[in-house]
Amino acid sequence: MGEFVGIAEIRQMLGGVSRARASVIASRRDFPAPYQVLIMGQIWRKSDVEAWIKVHRPELAGE
């Protein structure tokens, strides 16, 4: 099934940006669509977010 991440994990994956900045990035048209929207918030496939980071933020890939 794979791993899933929320906005808190995405913040860390993006180098510790603020929650507001992570939300702005996650709402970009080129950012992966959420896998599911839950009461607690959106979740994404970790592999989708990692692939996006590799292309759009290569300096953070592999951290």
N, C-alpha and C. Protein backbone atom coordinates (compact mmCIF):
# COMPACT_ATOMS: atom_id res chain seq x y z
N MET A 1 0.82 -1.20 0.00
CA MET A 1 0.00 0.00 0.00
C MET A 1 0.86 1.26 0.00
N GLY A 2 2.00 1.23 0.67
CA GLY A 2 2.88 2.39 0.66
C GLY A 2 2.71 3.26 1.89
N GLU A 3 3.66 4.16 2.03
CA GLU A 3 3.63 5.09 3.16
C GLU A 3 2.88 6.35 2.77
N PHE A 4 2.28 6.97 3.77
CA PHE A 4 1.55 8.21 3.56
C PHE A 4 2.11 9.28 4.49
N VAL A 5 1.99 10.53 4.06
CA VAL A 5 2.48 11.65 4.85
C VAL A 5 1.42 12.73 4.91
N GLY A 6 1.44 13.46 6.01
CA GLY A 6 0.60 14.63 6.18
C GLY A 6 1.45 15.89 6.05
N ILE A 7 0.84 17.02 6.32
CA ILE A 7 1.54 18.29 6.15
C ILE A 7 2.73 18.41 7.10
N ALA A 8 2.65 17.83 8.30
CA ALA A 8 3.78 17.89 9.24
C ALA A 8 5.00 17.17 8.68
N GLU A 9 4.79 16.02 8.07
CA GLU A 9 5.90 15.28 7.47
C GLU A 9 6.43 15.99 6.23
N ILE A 10 5.53 16.58 5.47
CA ILE A 10 5.95 17.34 4.28
C ILE A 10 6.82 18.52 4.70
N ARG A 11 6.47 19.17 5.79
CA ARG A 11 7.31 20.27 6.31
C ARG A 11 8.73 19.79 6.51
N GLN A 12 8.89 18.63 7.15
CA GLN A 12 10.23 18.09 7.40
C GLN A 12 10.92 17.73 6.09
N MET A 13 10.18 17.13 5.17
CA MET A 13 10.75 16.73 3.89
C MET A 13 11.24 17.94 3.10
N LEU A 14 10.62 19.10 3.35
CA LEU A 14 10.99 20.34 2.66
C LEU A 14 12.03 21.14 3.45
N GLY A 15 12.68 20.50 4.39
CA GLY A 15 13.77 21.15 5.11
C GLY A 15 13.34 21.94 6.33
N GLY A 16 12.15 21.67 6.85
CA GLY A 16 11.70 22.34 8.07
C GLY A 16 11.01 23.68 7.82
N VAL A 17 10.38 23.83 6.67
CA VAL A 17 9.65 25.07 6.39
C VAL A 17 8.47 25.20 7.36
N SER A 18 7.91 26.39 7.44
CA SER A 18 6.75 26.60 8.32
C SER A 18 5.54 25.83 7.80
N ARG A 19 4.57 25.63 8.68
CA ARG A 19 3.34 24.95 8.28
C ARG A 19 2.64 25.74 7.17
N ALA A 20 2.64 27.07 7.31
CA ALA A 20 1.99 27.91 6.29
C ALA A 20 2.69 27.75 4.93
N ARG A 21 4.02 27.74 4.94
CA ARG A 21 4.77 27.59 3.68
C ARG A 21 4.52 26.22 3.07
N ALA A 22 4.51 25.18 3.90
CA ALA A 22 4.24 23.83 3.40
C ALA A 22 2.85 23.75 2.78
N SER A 23 1.88 24.42 3.39
CA SER A 23 0.51 24.42 2.85
C SER A 23 0.45 25.13 1.50
N VAL A 24 1.20 26.24 1.38
CA VAL A 24 1.25 26.96 0.10
C VAL A 24 1.85 26.06 -0.97
N ILE A 25 2.95 25.39 -0.65
CA ILE A 25 3.60 24.51 -1.61
C ILE A 25 2.67 23.36 -1.99
N ALA A 26 1.99 22.78 -1.00
CA ALA A 26 1.09 21.65 -1.25
C ALA A 26 -0.11 22.04 -2.09
N SER A 27 -0.44 23.36 -2.14
CA SER A 27 -1.57 23.77 -2.98
C SER A 27 -1.18 24.19 -4.39
N ARG A 28 0.12 24.10 -4.69
CA ARG A 28 0.56 24.41 -6.05
C ARG A 28 -0.05 23.43 -7.05
N ARG A 29 -0.28 23.91 -8.24
CA ARG A 29 -0.87 23.05 -9.29
C ARG A 29 0.02 21.86 -9.64
N ASP A 30 1.34 22.06 -9.52
CA ASP A 30 2.25 20.98 -9.90
C ASP A 30 2.58 20.03 -8.75
N PHE A 31 2.05 20.30 -7.56
CA PHE A 31 2.27 19.41 -6.42
C PHE A 31 1.31 18.23 -6.54
N PRO A 32 1.72 17.04 -6.11
CA PRO A 32 0.83 15.88 -6.22
C PRO A 32 -0.51 16.11 -5.52
N ALA A 33 -1.55 15.58 -6.11
CA ALA A 33 -2.87 15.66 -5.48
C ALA A 33 -2.87 14.78 -4.23
N PRO A 34 -3.60 15.19 -3.20
CA PRO A 34 -3.69 14.34 -2.01
C PRO A 34 -4.27 12.98 -2.36
N TYR A 35 -3.79 11.96 -1.67
CA TYR A 35 -4.33 10.61 -1.84
C TYR A 35 -5.73 10.54 -1.25
N GLN A 36 -5.90 11.21 -0.11
CA GLN A 36 -7.18 11.17 0.60
C GLN A 36 -7.30 12.43 1.44
N VAL A 37 -8.53 12.89 1.64
CA VAL A 37 -8.80 13.99 2.56
C VAL A 37 -9.56 13.40 3.73
N LEU A 38 -8.96 13.49 4.91
CA LEU A 38 -9.55 12.95 6.13
C LEU A 38 -10.02 14.10 7.01
N ILE A 39 -10.73 13.79 8.07
CA ILE A 39 -11.15 14.83 9.01
C ILE A 39 -9.93 15.56 9.56
N MET A 40 -8.85 14.83 9.83
CA MET A 40 -7.64 15.43 10.38
C MET A 40 -6.82 16.20 9.35
N GLY A 41 -7.14 16.06 8.09
CA GLY A 41 -6.42 16.78 7.04
C GLY A 41 -6.12 15.89 5.85
N GLN A 42 -5.34 16.42 4.95
CA GLN A 42 -4.99 15.69 3.73
C GLN A 42 -3.80 14.78 3.98
N ILE A 43 -3.75 13.68 3.21
CA ILE A 43 -2.57 12.82 3.22
C ILE A 43 -2.15 12.58 1.77
N TRP A 44 -0.86 12.42 1.60
CA TRP A 44 -0.27 12.18 0.28
C TRP A 44 0.53 10.90 0.32
N ARG A 45 0.71 10.28 -0.84
CA ARG A 45 1.65 9.16 -0.94
C ARG A 45 3.05 9.73 -0.78
N LYS A 46 3.82 9.15 0.11
CA LYS A 46 5.18 9.64 0.35
C LYS A 46 6.00 9.59 -0.93
N SER A 47 5.83 8.54 -1.70
CA SER A 47 6.61 8.40 -2.95
C SER A 47 6.29 9.52 -3.94
N ASP A 48 5.03 9.98 -3.98
CA ASP A 48 4.65 11.09 -4.87
C ASP A 48 5.34 12.38 -4.44
N VAL A 49 5.35 12.63 -3.13
CA VAL A 49 5.98 13.84 -2.61
C VAL A 49 7.50 13.78 -2.83
N GLU A 50 8.10 12.62 -2.60
CA GLU A 50 9.54 12.47 -2.83
C GLU A 50 9.89 12.73 -4.29
N ALA A 51 9.06 12.24 -5.21
CA ALA A 51 9.31 12.46 -6.64
C ALA A 51 9.20 13.94 -6.97
N TRP A 52 8.23 14.64 -6.39
CA TRP A 52 8.06 16.07 -6.63
C TRP A 52 9.29 16.82 -6.11
N ILE A 53 9.73 16.48 -4.91
CA ILE A 53 10.90 17.14 -4.33
C ILE A 53 12.13 16.91 -5.21
N LYS A 54 12.29 15.71 -5.72
CA LYS A 54 13.45 15.39 -6.56
C LYS A 54 13.52 16.30 -7.79
N VAL A 55 12.36 16.64 -8.35
CA VAL A 55 12.30 17.49 -9.54
C VAL A 55 12.35 18.97 -9.18
N HIS A 56 11.56 19.39 -8.17
CA HIS A 56 11.37 20.81 -7.89
C HIS A 56 12.28 21.36 -6.79
N ARG A 57 12.80 20.51 -5.95
CA ARG A 57 13.71 20.92 -4.88
C ARG A 57 14.85 19.91 -4.77
N PRO A 58 15.63 19.74 -5.85
CA PRO A 58 16.65 18.68 -5.88
C PRO A 58 17.67 18.78 -4.75
N GLU A 59 17.90 19.98 -4.23
CA GLU A 59 18.86 20.13 -3.13
C GLU A 59 18.37 19.44 -1.85
N LEU A 60 17.07 19.14 -1.78
CA LEU A 60 16.50 18.48 -0.60
C LEU A 60 16.31 16.98 -0.80
N ALA A 61 16.45 16.51 -2.01
CA ALA A 61 16.21 15.09 -2.30
C ALA A 61 17.19 14.22 -1.51
N GLY A 62 16.65 13.20 -0.89
CA GLY A 62 17.48 12.26 -0.15
C GLY A 62 17.77 12.66 1.27
N GLU A 63 17.20 13.77 1.74
CA GLU A 63 17.43 14.17 3.14
C GLU A 63 16.55 13.39 4.07
